[in-house]
N, C-alpha and C. Protein backbone atom coordinates (compact mmCIF):
# COMPACT_ATOMS: atom_id res chain seq x y z
N UNK A 1 96.92 25.01 48.89
CA UNK A 1 97.20 23.96 49.71
C UNK A 1 95.99 23.39 50.37
N UNK A 2 95.19 24.25 50.60
CA UNK A 2 93.73 23.90 51.30
C UNK A 2 93.25 22.85 50.37
N UNK A 3 93.01 23.06 49.07
CA UNK A 3 92.44 22.13 48.31
C UNK A 3 93.09 20.75 48.16
N UNK A 4 94.40 20.73 48.39
CA UNK A 4 95.15 19.46 48.39
C UNK A 4 94.84 18.57 49.61
N UNK A 5 94.53 19.35 50.73
CA UNK A 5 94.31 18.63 52.10
C UNK A 5 92.90 18.29 52.44
N UNK A 6 92.04 19.31 51.73
CA UNK A 6 90.65 18.98 52.29
C UNK A 6 89.73 19.00 51.16
N UNK A 7 88.65 18.41 51.27
CA UNK A 7 87.45 18.36 50.17
C UNK A 7 86.29 19.33 50.62
N UNK A 8 86.73 20.43 51.40
CA UNK A 8 85.60 21.40 51.76
C UNK A 8 86.08 22.78 51.61
N UNK A 9 85.16 23.69 51.75
CA UNK A 9 85.39 25.11 51.60
C UNK A 9 86.28 25.74 52.77
N UNK A 10 87.03 26.71 52.50
CA UNK A 10 87.80 27.24 53.49
C UNK A 10 86.89 27.74 54.59
N UNK A 11 87.38 27.52 55.95
CA UNK A 11 86.62 28.01 57.00
C UNK A 11 85.48 27.15 57.69
N UNK A 12 85.37 25.90 57.07
CA UNK A 12 84.44 24.84 57.57
C UNK A 12 85.12 23.82 58.39
N UNK A 13 86.34 23.64 58.54
CA UNK A 13 87.09 22.54 59.35
C UNK A 13 87.46 23.06 60.58
N UNK A 14 87.55 22.14 61.56
CA UNK A 14 88.24 22.49 62.83
C UNK A 14 89.34 21.55 63.19
N UNK A 15 90.10 21.79 64.11
CA UNK A 15 91.08 20.89 64.63
C UNK A 15 90.56 19.52 64.97
N UNK A 16 89.33 19.32 65.39
CA UNK A 16 88.76 18.00 65.76
C UNK A 16 88.49 17.37 64.42
N UNK A 17 88.04 18.12 63.39
CA UNK A 17 87.97 17.27 62.10
C UNK A 17 89.25 16.88 61.54
N UNK A 18 90.36 17.56 61.79
CA UNK A 18 91.71 17.14 61.33
C UNK A 18 92.15 15.92 62.05
N UNK A 19 91.95 15.81 63.49
CA UNK A 19 92.21 14.79 64.24
C UNK A 19 91.47 13.46 63.85
N UNK A 20 90.18 13.71 63.33
CA UNK A 20 89.39 12.53 62.90
C UNK A 20 90.02 12.07 61.51
N UNK A 21 90.41 12.91 60.76
CA UNK A 21 91.09 12.61 59.41
C UNK A 21 92.37 11.72 59.75
N UNK A 22 93.19 12.25 60.72
CA UNK A 22 94.34 11.49 61.09
C UNK A 22 94.06 10.14 61.67
N UNK A 23 92.92 9.89 62.27
CA UNK A 23 92.50 8.74 62.81
C UNK A 23 92.03 7.65 61.71
N UNK A 24 91.94 8.08 60.49
CA UNK A 24 91.65 7.23 59.37
C UNK A 24 92.75 6.56 58.72
N UNK A 25 92.80 5.28 58.89
CA UNK A 25 94.01 4.50 58.46
C UNK A 25 94.11 4.60 56.91
N UNK A 26 93.18 4.96 56.17
CA UNK A 26 93.23 5.02 54.74
C UNK A 26 93.75 6.52 54.33
N UNK A 27 94.02 7.35 55.10
CA UNK A 27 94.48 8.64 54.80
C UNK A 27 95.81 8.61 54.04
N UNK A 28 95.90 9.37 52.96
CA UNK A 28 97.17 9.30 52.19
C UNK A 28 98.34 9.72 53.06
N UNK A 29 99.55 9.07 53.02
CA UNK A 29 100.59 9.18 53.81
C UNK A 29 101.12 10.71 53.67
N UNK A 30 101.21 11.28 52.47
CA UNK A 30 101.66 12.69 52.21
C UNK A 30 100.80 13.78 52.89
N UNK A 31 99.60 13.37 53.36
CA UNK A 31 98.71 14.35 54.06
C UNK A 31 98.94 14.27 55.62
N UNK A 32 99.51 13.21 56.09
CA UNK A 32 99.65 12.95 57.60
C UNK A 32 100.50 14.11 58.32
N UNK A 33 101.62 14.35 57.84
CA UNK A 33 102.46 15.43 58.45
C UNK A 33 101.77 16.74 58.43
N UNK A 34 101.46 17.22 57.13
CA UNK A 34 100.78 18.57 57.17
C UNK A 34 99.67 18.70 58.17
N UNK A 35 98.67 17.68 58.13
CA UNK A 35 97.47 17.72 58.99
C UNK A 35 97.99 17.64 60.38
N UNK A 36 98.96 16.86 60.91
CA UNK A 36 99.35 16.79 62.18
C UNK A 36 99.99 18.18 62.63
N UNK A 37 100.70 18.86 61.74
CA UNK A 37 101.29 20.13 62.01
C UNK A 37 100.32 21.11 62.40
N UNK A 38 99.21 21.15 61.33
CA UNK A 38 98.24 22.27 61.48
C UNK A 38 97.30 21.86 62.76
N UNK A 39 97.12 20.72 63.07
CA UNK A 39 96.36 20.45 64.30
C UNK A 39 97.16 20.89 65.55
N UNK A 40 98.53 20.73 65.49
CA UNK A 40 99.39 21.12 66.50
C UNK A 40 99.33 22.72 66.73
N UNK A 41 99.56 23.44 65.62
CA UNK A 41 99.59 24.80 65.64
C UNK A 41 98.14 25.57 65.99
N UNK A 42 97.14 25.00 65.28
CA UNK A 42 95.82 25.68 65.51
C UNK A 42 95.09 25.06 66.59
N UNK A 43 95.63 24.03 67.13
CA UNK A 43 94.92 23.40 68.37
C UNK A 43 95.66 23.72 69.68
N UNK A 44 96.98 23.97 69.63
CA UNK A 44 97.76 24.01 70.92
C UNK A 44 98.44 25.39 70.83
N UNK A 45 99.38 25.65 69.96
CA UNK A 45 100.30 26.76 69.89
C UNK A 45 99.58 28.11 69.76
N UNK A 46 98.74 28.15 68.77
CA UNK A 46 98.19 29.41 68.38
C UNK A 46 96.68 29.27 68.01
N UNK A 47 95.84 28.81 68.97
CA UNK A 47 94.35 28.77 68.53
C UNK A 47 93.91 30.13 68.69
N UNK A 48 92.91 30.51 67.75
CA UNK A 48 92.52 31.89 67.47
C UNK A 48 90.86 32.04 67.79
N UNK A 49 90.19 30.93 68.00
CA UNK A 49 88.90 30.93 68.23
C UNK A 49 88.49 29.75 69.13
N UNK A 50 87.29 29.89 69.65
CA UNK A 50 86.83 28.90 70.56
C UNK A 50 86.40 27.55 70.03
N UNK A 51 86.21 27.56 68.77
CA UNK A 51 85.81 26.35 67.88
C UNK A 51 86.95 25.60 67.35
N UNK A 52 88.14 26.21 67.51
CA UNK A 52 89.36 25.77 66.94
C UNK A 52 89.35 25.51 65.45
N UNK A 53 88.61 26.40 64.81
CA UNK A 53 88.59 26.58 63.23
C UNK A 53 90.03 26.78 62.85
N UNK A 54 90.39 26.02 61.69
CA UNK A 54 91.66 26.04 61.08
C UNK A 54 91.85 27.48 60.40
N UNK A 55 93.05 27.98 60.65
CA UNK A 55 93.47 29.19 60.14
C UNK A 55 93.92 28.96 58.72
N UNK A 56 93.21 29.55 57.63
CA UNK A 56 93.67 29.34 56.26
C UNK A 56 95.05 29.83 55.98
N UNK A 57 95.53 30.94 56.60
CA UNK A 57 96.93 31.38 56.44
C UNK A 57 97.96 30.33 56.77
N UNK A 58 97.70 29.67 57.94
CA UNK A 58 98.66 28.62 58.32
C UNK A 58 98.45 27.41 57.51
N UNK A 59 97.27 27.03 57.01
CA UNK A 59 97.21 25.83 56.17
C UNK A 59 98.06 26.11 54.84
N UNK A 60 98.04 27.35 54.33
CA UNK A 60 98.70 27.74 53.06
C UNK A 60 100.00 27.70 53.27
N UNK A 61 100.55 27.98 54.50
CA UNK A 61 101.92 27.87 54.92
C UNK A 61 102.56 26.53 54.74
N UNK A 62 101.66 25.62 54.80
CA UNK A 62 102.22 24.14 54.78
C UNK A 62 102.59 23.81 53.30
N UNK A 63 102.49 24.75 52.31
CA UNK A 63 103.00 24.27 50.99
C UNK A 63 104.33 24.14 51.07
N UNK A 64 105.03 24.76 52.00
CA UNK A 64 106.61 24.68 52.25
C UNK A 64 106.69 24.21 53.69
N UNK A 65 106.75 22.79 53.88
CA UNK A 65 106.83 22.19 55.24
C UNK A 65 108.19 22.71 55.98
N UNK A 66 109.31 22.81 55.14
CA UNK A 66 110.34 23.37 55.85
C UNK A 66 110.39 24.54 56.47
N UNK A 67 109.72 25.44 55.56
CA UNK A 67 109.66 26.95 56.14
C UNK A 67 108.55 27.01 57.26
N UNK A 68 107.56 26.04 57.22
CA UNK A 68 106.63 26.01 58.28
C UNK A 68 107.20 25.50 59.56
N UNK A 69 108.14 24.58 59.53
CA UNK A 69 108.88 24.18 60.81
C UNK A 69 109.80 25.12 61.34
N UNK A 70 110.35 25.99 60.55
CA UNK A 70 111.28 26.99 61.13
C UNK A 70 110.69 28.33 61.47
N UNK A 71 109.36 28.36 61.22
CA UNK A 71 108.54 29.68 61.50
C UNK A 71 108.68 29.84 63.12
N UNK A 72 108.72 31.11 63.40
CA UNK A 72 108.77 31.49 64.80
C UNK A 72 107.43 31.25 65.61
N UNK A 73 106.88 30.03 65.69
CA UNK A 73 105.50 29.75 66.34
C UNK A 73 105.53 30.18 67.83
N UNK A 74 106.58 30.14 68.52
CA UNK A 74 106.69 30.60 69.92
C UNK A 74 106.45 31.99 69.87
N UNK A 75 106.89 32.96 68.98
CA UNK A 75 106.70 34.27 68.97
C UNK A 75 105.20 34.72 68.68
N UNK A 76 104.65 33.96 67.61
CA UNK A 76 103.18 34.18 67.29
C UNK A 76 102.34 33.82 68.54
N UNK A 77 102.76 32.52 69.20
CA UNK A 77 101.85 32.18 70.27
C UNK A 77 102.00 33.22 71.47
N UNK A 78 103.20 33.68 71.67
CA UNK A 78 103.30 34.73 72.69
C UNK A 78 102.51 36.08 72.43
N UNK A 79 102.45 36.41 71.20
CA UNK A 79 101.78 37.58 70.66
C UNK A 79 100.27 37.43 70.67
N UNK A 80 99.83 36.21 70.67
CA UNK A 80 98.44 35.85 70.72
C UNK A 80 97.95 35.81 72.17
N UNK A 81 98.78 35.23 72.99
CA UNK A 81 98.52 34.99 74.51
C UNK A 81 98.52 36.30 75.32
N UNK A 82 99.62 37.14 75.25
CA UNK A 82 99.90 38.22 76.00
C UNK A 82 98.82 39.32 76.06
N UNK A 83 98.38 39.79 74.86
CA UNK A 83 97.30 40.83 74.88
C UNK A 83 96.22 40.72 75.81
N UNK A 84 95.89 39.43 76.06
CA UNK A 84 94.67 39.14 76.94
C UNK A 84 95.05 39.79 78.47
N UNK A 85 96.25 39.83 78.74
CA UNK A 85 96.69 40.32 80.02
C UNK A 85 97.21 41.67 80.15
N UNK A 86 96.97 42.54 78.91
CA UNK A 86 97.43 43.92 79.00
C UNK A 86 96.21 44.78 78.85
N UNK A 87 96.48 46.07 79.16
CA UNK A 87 95.29 47.15 78.82
C UNK A 87 94.99 47.04 77.40
N UNK A 88 93.62 47.40 77.10
CA UNK A 88 93.07 47.34 75.75
C UNK A 88 93.86 48.53 74.99
N UNK A 89 94.09 48.51 73.72
CA UNK A 89 94.60 49.61 73.03
C UNK A 89 93.53 50.59 72.62
N UNK A 90 92.29 50.06 72.61
CA UNK A 90 91.10 51.11 72.27
C UNK A 90 90.10 51.03 73.40
N UNK A 91 89.75 51.98 74.14
CA UNK A 91 88.69 51.97 75.12
C UNK A 91 87.76 53.24 74.72
N UNK A 92 86.60 53.14 75.29
CA UNK A 92 85.63 54.16 75.04
C UNK A 92 86.09 55.38 75.66
N UNK A 93 85.72 56.48 74.98
CA UNK A 93 86.14 57.95 75.63
C UNK A 93 85.74 57.96 77.09
N UNK A 94 86.65 58.39 77.93
CA UNK A 94 86.41 58.66 79.34
C UNK A 94 86.72 57.36 80.27
N UNK A 95 86.90 56.23 79.53
CA UNK A 95 87.12 54.94 80.40
C UNK A 95 88.68 54.89 80.61
N UNK A 96 89.08 54.41 81.78
CA UNK A 96 90.31 54.20 82.12
C UNK A 96 90.84 52.76 81.57
N UNK A 97 91.80 52.77 80.78
CA UNK A 97 92.17 51.45 80.17
C UNK A 97 92.68 50.42 81.27
N UNK A 98 93.25 50.89 82.30
CA UNK A 98 93.68 50.01 83.46
C UNK A 98 92.46 49.42 84.13
N UNK A 99 91.45 50.16 84.37
CA UNK A 99 90.28 49.67 85.02
C UNK A 99 89.49 48.74 84.10
N UNK A 100 89.52 48.97 82.91
CA UNK A 100 88.79 47.99 81.82
C UNK A 100 89.57 46.73 81.99
N UNK A 101 91.04 46.65 81.85
CA UNK A 101 91.70 45.50 82.17
C UNK A 101 91.42 44.74 83.47
N UNK A 102 91.37 45.44 84.55
CA UNK A 102 91.12 44.87 85.85
C UNK A 102 89.73 44.33 85.76
N UNK A 103 88.70 45.00 85.40
CA UNK A 103 87.39 44.39 85.25
C UNK A 103 87.40 43.03 84.35
N UNK A 104 88.07 43.08 83.29
CA UNK A 104 88.17 41.92 82.41
C UNK A 104 88.81 40.74 83.04
N UNK A 105 89.91 41.06 83.76
CA UNK A 105 90.67 39.94 84.51
C UNK A 105 89.99 39.56 85.82
N UNK A 106 89.00 40.27 86.30
CA UNK A 106 88.38 40.01 87.46
C UNK A 106 87.12 39.09 87.34
N UNK A 107 86.73 38.81 85.95
CA UNK A 107 85.65 38.01 85.83
C UNK A 107 85.58 36.58 86.45
N UNK A 108 84.64 36.08 86.52
CA UNK A 108 84.64 34.55 87.08
C UNK A 108 85.25 33.66 86.05
N UNK A 109 85.09 33.96 84.74
CA UNK A 109 85.86 33.12 83.57
C UNK A 109 86.34 34.08 82.64
N UNK A 110 87.31 33.63 81.87
CA UNK A 110 87.92 34.52 80.90
C UNK A 110 88.18 33.68 79.65
N UNK A 111 88.41 34.26 78.57
CA UNK A 111 88.90 33.44 77.34
C UNK A 111 90.28 33.93 77.13
N UNK A 112 91.32 33.06 76.85
CA UNK A 112 92.71 33.45 76.54
C UNK A 112 93.04 32.51 75.38
N UNK A 113 93.25 33.14 74.25
CA UNK A 113 93.83 32.30 73.10
C UNK A 113 95.34 32.36 73.15
N UNK A 114 95.83 31.57 72.31
CA UNK A 114 97.36 31.34 72.32
C UNK A 114 97.81 30.16 73.22
N UNK A 115 98.80 30.23 74.10
CA UNK A 115 99.25 29.21 74.79
C UNK A 115 99.42 29.59 76.25
N UNK A 116 98.24 29.68 76.91
CA UNK A 116 98.40 30.15 78.36
C UNK A 116 99.11 29.12 79.27
N UNK A 117 99.23 28.02 78.81
CA UNK A 117 99.83 26.91 79.67
C UNK A 117 101.40 27.38 80.00
N UNK A 118 101.98 28.01 78.84
CA UNK A 118 103.37 28.43 79.13
C UNK A 118 103.52 29.49 80.25
N UNK A 119 102.42 30.20 80.30
CA UNK A 119 102.46 31.37 81.47
C UNK A 119 102.26 30.64 82.71
N UNK A 120 101.47 29.67 82.80
CA UNK A 120 101.18 28.92 84.09
C UNK A 120 102.52 28.21 84.54
N UNK A 121 103.17 27.61 83.66
CA UNK A 121 104.44 26.83 83.91
C UNK A 121 105.49 27.90 84.49
N UNK A 122 105.54 29.08 83.70
CA UNK A 122 106.39 30.13 84.14
C UNK A 122 106.22 30.51 85.49
N UNK A 123 104.89 30.92 85.85
CA UNK A 123 104.65 31.28 87.38
C UNK A 123 104.95 30.23 88.30
N UNK A 124 104.71 28.98 88.09
CA UNK A 124 105.11 27.90 88.91
C UNK A 124 106.67 27.85 89.10
N UNK A 125 107.34 28.14 88.13
CA UNK A 125 108.92 27.99 88.11
C UNK A 125 109.30 29.43 89.02
N UNK A 126 108.54 30.42 88.75
CA UNK A 126 109.07 31.49 89.45
C UNK A 126 108.70 31.79 90.82
N UNK A 127 107.47 31.07 91.22
CA UNK A 127 106.91 31.17 92.63
C UNK A 127 106.64 29.65 93.01
N UNK A 128 107.79 28.96 93.52
CA UNK A 128 107.65 27.65 93.80
C UNK A 128 106.69 27.21 94.93
N UNK A 129 106.39 28.15 95.78
CA UNK A 129 105.37 28.08 96.91
C UNK A 129 104.02 27.55 96.28
N UNK A 130 103.82 28.13 95.16
CA UNK A 130 102.40 27.82 94.55
C UNK A 130 102.28 26.29 94.28
N UNK A 131 103.33 25.59 93.97
CA UNK A 131 103.18 24.24 93.81
C UNK A 131 102.83 23.33 94.84
N UNK A 132 103.17 23.86 96.29
CA UNK A 132 102.75 23.29 97.47
C UNK A 132 101.35 23.36 97.63
N UNK A 133 100.55 24.35 96.95
CA UNK A 133 99.19 24.33 97.13
C UNK A 133 98.35 23.45 96.32
N UNK A 134 98.99 22.92 95.43
CA UNK A 134 98.16 22.06 94.23
C UNK A 134 98.12 20.63 94.95
N UNK A 135 96.83 20.20 94.93
CA UNK A 135 96.58 18.79 95.52
C UNK A 135 97.32 17.80 94.64
N UNK A 136 97.96 16.75 95.13
CA UNK A 136 98.58 15.75 94.52
C UNK A 136 99.56 16.24 93.45
N UNK A 137 100.34 17.28 93.75
CA UNK A 137 101.40 17.95 92.76
C UNK A 137 102.22 17.01 92.16
N UNK A 138 102.65 15.92 92.87
CA UNK A 138 103.59 14.84 92.56
C UNK A 138 103.05 14.10 91.32
N UNK A 139 101.76 14.03 91.11
CA UNK A 139 101.11 13.16 90.19
C UNK A 139 101.38 13.61 88.85
N UNK A 140 102.18 13.10 88.04
CA UNK A 140 102.58 13.54 86.67
C UNK A 140 101.80 12.85 85.62
N UNK A 141 100.77 12.02 85.88
CA UNK A 141 99.86 11.33 84.90
C UNK A 141 99.33 12.27 83.97
N UNK A 142 99.25 11.82 82.73
CA UNK A 142 98.65 12.86 81.73
C UNK A 142 97.33 12.14 81.29
N UNK A 143 96.74 12.91 80.40
CA UNK A 143 95.37 12.35 79.86
C UNK A 143 95.64 11.00 79.07
N UNK A 144 96.86 10.78 78.61
CA UNK A 144 97.20 9.56 77.88
C UNK A 144 97.18 8.41 78.92
N UNK A 145 97.76 8.66 80.16
CA UNK A 145 97.84 7.60 81.23
C UNK A 145 96.54 7.30 81.88
N UNK A 146 95.61 8.37 82.01
CA UNK A 146 94.41 8.40 82.69
C UNK A 146 93.30 9.06 81.78
N UNK A 147 92.75 8.38 81.00
CA UNK A 147 91.73 9.04 80.03
C UNK A 147 90.59 9.83 80.74
N UNK A 148 90.18 9.38 81.92
CA UNK A 148 89.21 10.16 82.70
C UNK A 148 89.78 11.43 83.41
N UNK A 149 91.10 11.66 83.30
CA UNK A 149 91.63 12.90 83.94
C UNK A 149 91.13 14.21 83.19
N UNK A 150 90.80 14.26 82.00
CA UNK A 150 90.32 15.32 81.38
C UNK A 150 88.72 15.44 81.04
N UNK A 151 88.08 14.46 81.82
CA UNK A 151 86.63 14.39 81.68
C UNK A 151 85.81 15.59 82.03
N UNK A 152 86.39 16.31 83.06
CA UNK A 152 85.69 17.59 83.65
C UNK A 152 86.83 18.53 84.02
N UNK A 153 86.63 19.80 83.76
CA UNK A 153 87.56 20.68 84.26
C UNK A 153 87.65 20.81 85.73
N UNK A 154 88.84 20.92 86.22
CA UNK A 154 89.15 21.06 87.67
C UNK A 154 89.92 22.24 88.06
N UNK A 155 89.59 23.02 89.18
CA UNK A 155 90.36 24.14 89.56
C UNK A 155 91.66 23.62 90.39
N UNK A 156 92.77 23.84 90.06
CA UNK A 156 93.90 23.31 90.83
C UNK A 156 94.26 24.39 92.03
N UNK A 157 94.10 25.71 91.76
CA UNK A 157 94.43 26.72 92.63
C UNK A 157 93.13 27.65 92.75
N UNK A 158 92.76 27.94 93.92
CA UNK A 158 91.71 29.01 94.21
C UNK A 158 92.38 30.18 94.40
N UNK A 159 91.58 31.34 94.31
CA UNK A 159 91.91 32.59 94.54
C UNK A 159 92.53 32.70 95.93
N UNK A 160 91.85 32.13 96.95
CA UNK A 160 92.26 32.24 98.39
C UNK A 160 93.69 31.66 98.62
N UNK A 161 93.95 30.63 97.74
CA UNK A 161 95.15 29.93 97.91
C UNK A 161 96.46 30.84 97.31
N UNK A 162 96.10 31.36 96.25
CA UNK A 162 97.01 32.23 95.67
C UNK A 162 97.23 33.55 96.43
N UNK A 163 96.27 34.18 97.03
CA UNK A 163 96.42 35.35 97.99
C UNK A 163 97.18 34.80 99.22
N UNK A 164 96.95 33.51 99.71
CA UNK A 164 97.73 33.13 100.76
C UNK A 164 99.24 32.90 100.45
N UNK A 165 99.53 32.56 99.26
CA UNK A 165 100.89 32.55 98.83
C UNK A 165 101.51 33.93 98.78
N UNK A 166 100.72 34.89 98.10
CA UNK A 166 101.33 36.32 97.96
C UNK A 166 101.48 36.75 99.35
N UNK A 167 100.75 36.41 100.35
CA UNK A 167 100.92 37.14 101.80
C UNK A 167 101.82 36.25 102.59
N UNK A 168 102.32 35.01 102.15
CA UNK A 168 103.22 34.29 103.04
C UNK A 168 104.44 34.90 103.07
N UNK A 169 105.02 35.16 104.35
CA UNK A 169 106.33 35.83 104.72
C UNK A 169 107.44 35.05 104.10
N UNK A 170 107.37 33.68 103.83
CA UNK A 170 108.36 32.81 103.38
C UNK A 170 108.46 32.68 101.91
N UNK A 171 107.40 33.36 101.10
CA UNK A 171 107.39 33.28 99.88
C UNK A 171 108.63 33.70 99.12
N UNK A 172 109.12 32.90 98.19
CA UNK A 172 110.50 33.21 97.45
C UNK A 172 110.16 33.36 96.08
N UNK A 173 110.51 34.48 95.48
CA UNK A 173 110.45 34.95 94.27
C UNK A 173 111.67 35.09 93.67
N UNK A 174 111.97 34.80 92.33
CA UNK A 174 113.26 35.13 91.79
C UNK A 174 113.04 35.41 90.31
N UNK A 175 113.96 36.16 89.79
CA UNK A 175 113.83 36.50 88.32
C UNK A 175 114.25 35.23 87.41
N UNK A 176 113.36 34.90 86.59
CA UNK A 176 113.67 33.73 85.70
C UNK A 176 114.55 34.21 84.60
N UNK A 177 114.60 35.44 84.41
CA UNK A 177 115.50 35.96 83.35
C UNK A 177 116.91 35.64 83.78
N UNK A 178 117.19 35.84 85.08
CA UNK A 178 118.55 35.63 85.51
C UNK A 178 118.92 34.09 85.47
N UNK A 179 117.88 33.34 85.86
CA UNK A 179 118.09 31.87 85.93
C UNK A 179 118.37 31.35 84.71
N UNK A 180 117.75 31.77 83.49
CA UNK A 180 118.02 31.34 82.11
C UNK A 180 118.98 32.00 81.33
N UNK A 181 119.52 33.04 81.95
CA UNK A 181 120.57 33.95 81.23
C UNK A 181 121.95 33.41 81.71
N UNK A 182 122.02 32.52 82.44
CA UNK A 182 123.47 32.07 82.90
C UNK A 182 123.99 32.87 84.13
N UNK A 183 123.11 33.66 84.82
CA UNK A 183 123.64 34.36 85.98
C UNK A 183 124.20 33.31 87.20
N UNK A 184 125.27 33.37 87.62
CA UNK A 184 125.84 32.36 88.51
C UNK A 184 125.64 32.86 89.89
N UNK A 185 125.56 34.23 90.24
CA UNK A 185 125.46 34.65 91.67
C UNK A 185 124.21 35.37 91.89
N UNK A 186 123.25 34.64 92.30
CA UNK A 186 121.95 35.39 92.64
C UNK A 186 122.05 35.78 94.09
N UNK A 187 121.63 37.00 94.28
CA UNK A 187 121.54 37.72 95.59
C UNK A 187 120.05 37.84 95.89
N UNK A 188 119.78 37.39 97.17
CA UNK A 188 118.47 37.63 97.60
C UNK A 188 118.32 38.85 98.42
N UNK A 189 117.18 39.65 98.04
CA UNK A 189 116.89 40.97 98.72
C UNK A 189 115.36 41.11 98.88
N UNK A 190 114.91 41.09 100.19
CA UNK A 190 113.49 41.15 100.46
C UNK A 190 112.66 40.18 99.63
N UNK A 191 113.18 39.01 99.48
CA UNK A 191 112.41 37.85 98.84
C UNK A 191 112.59 37.74 97.39
N UNK A 192 113.37 38.83 96.82
CA UNK A 192 113.49 38.84 95.42
C UNK A 192 114.92 38.29 95.06
N UNK A 193 115.22 37.65 93.98
CA UNK A 193 116.46 37.33 93.49
C UNK A 193 117.09 38.28 92.33
N UNK A 194 118.20 38.64 92.67
CA UNK A 194 118.93 39.58 91.56
C UNK A 194 120.25 39.05 91.28
N UNK A 195 120.73 39.23 90.09
CA UNK A 195 122.05 38.75 89.63
C UNK A 195 123.05 39.56 90.22
N UNK A 196 124.00 39.15 90.99
CA UNK A 196 124.97 39.89 91.61
C UNK A 196 126.40 39.81 91.09
């Protein structure tokens, strides 16, 4: 499949290259859907490196578009994202895996592959008070509406704001498991929601 889509060796292309190809009005029609799908998967759902290089296995999966579309990308994305927030499976002798994880997560910056946006949205849904700390939270404009919106990264929540929410006596937490499982009677106990 790689040779049908690209005129270059495996490993040389990135999502940006694919997006440029898609911008070419002379690109063959039969290449457009596979290229858009690989850009979506390798660029948003399951990125595996900082340069957004294409994953040859995913490109080969495009030989059967129907199977590609029903593949459990959500599970792959989850399995790519979550390990960053868990203790390492392998640590040096004598090291505490939990301390290694704490040190990694306490860095000023960190890399997280997969789809961390899903985790952010999950937290905002579980802890609504966090939304009140975001400046101009009601503004739902996207980079399509305002091209300058993505010109520079911005921090929407500081550590101090998160800690303030954690310490707020009125913070309300509830289990999203119950929310999405159809639980009708949620009981609040010590600020936590339980299915009753």
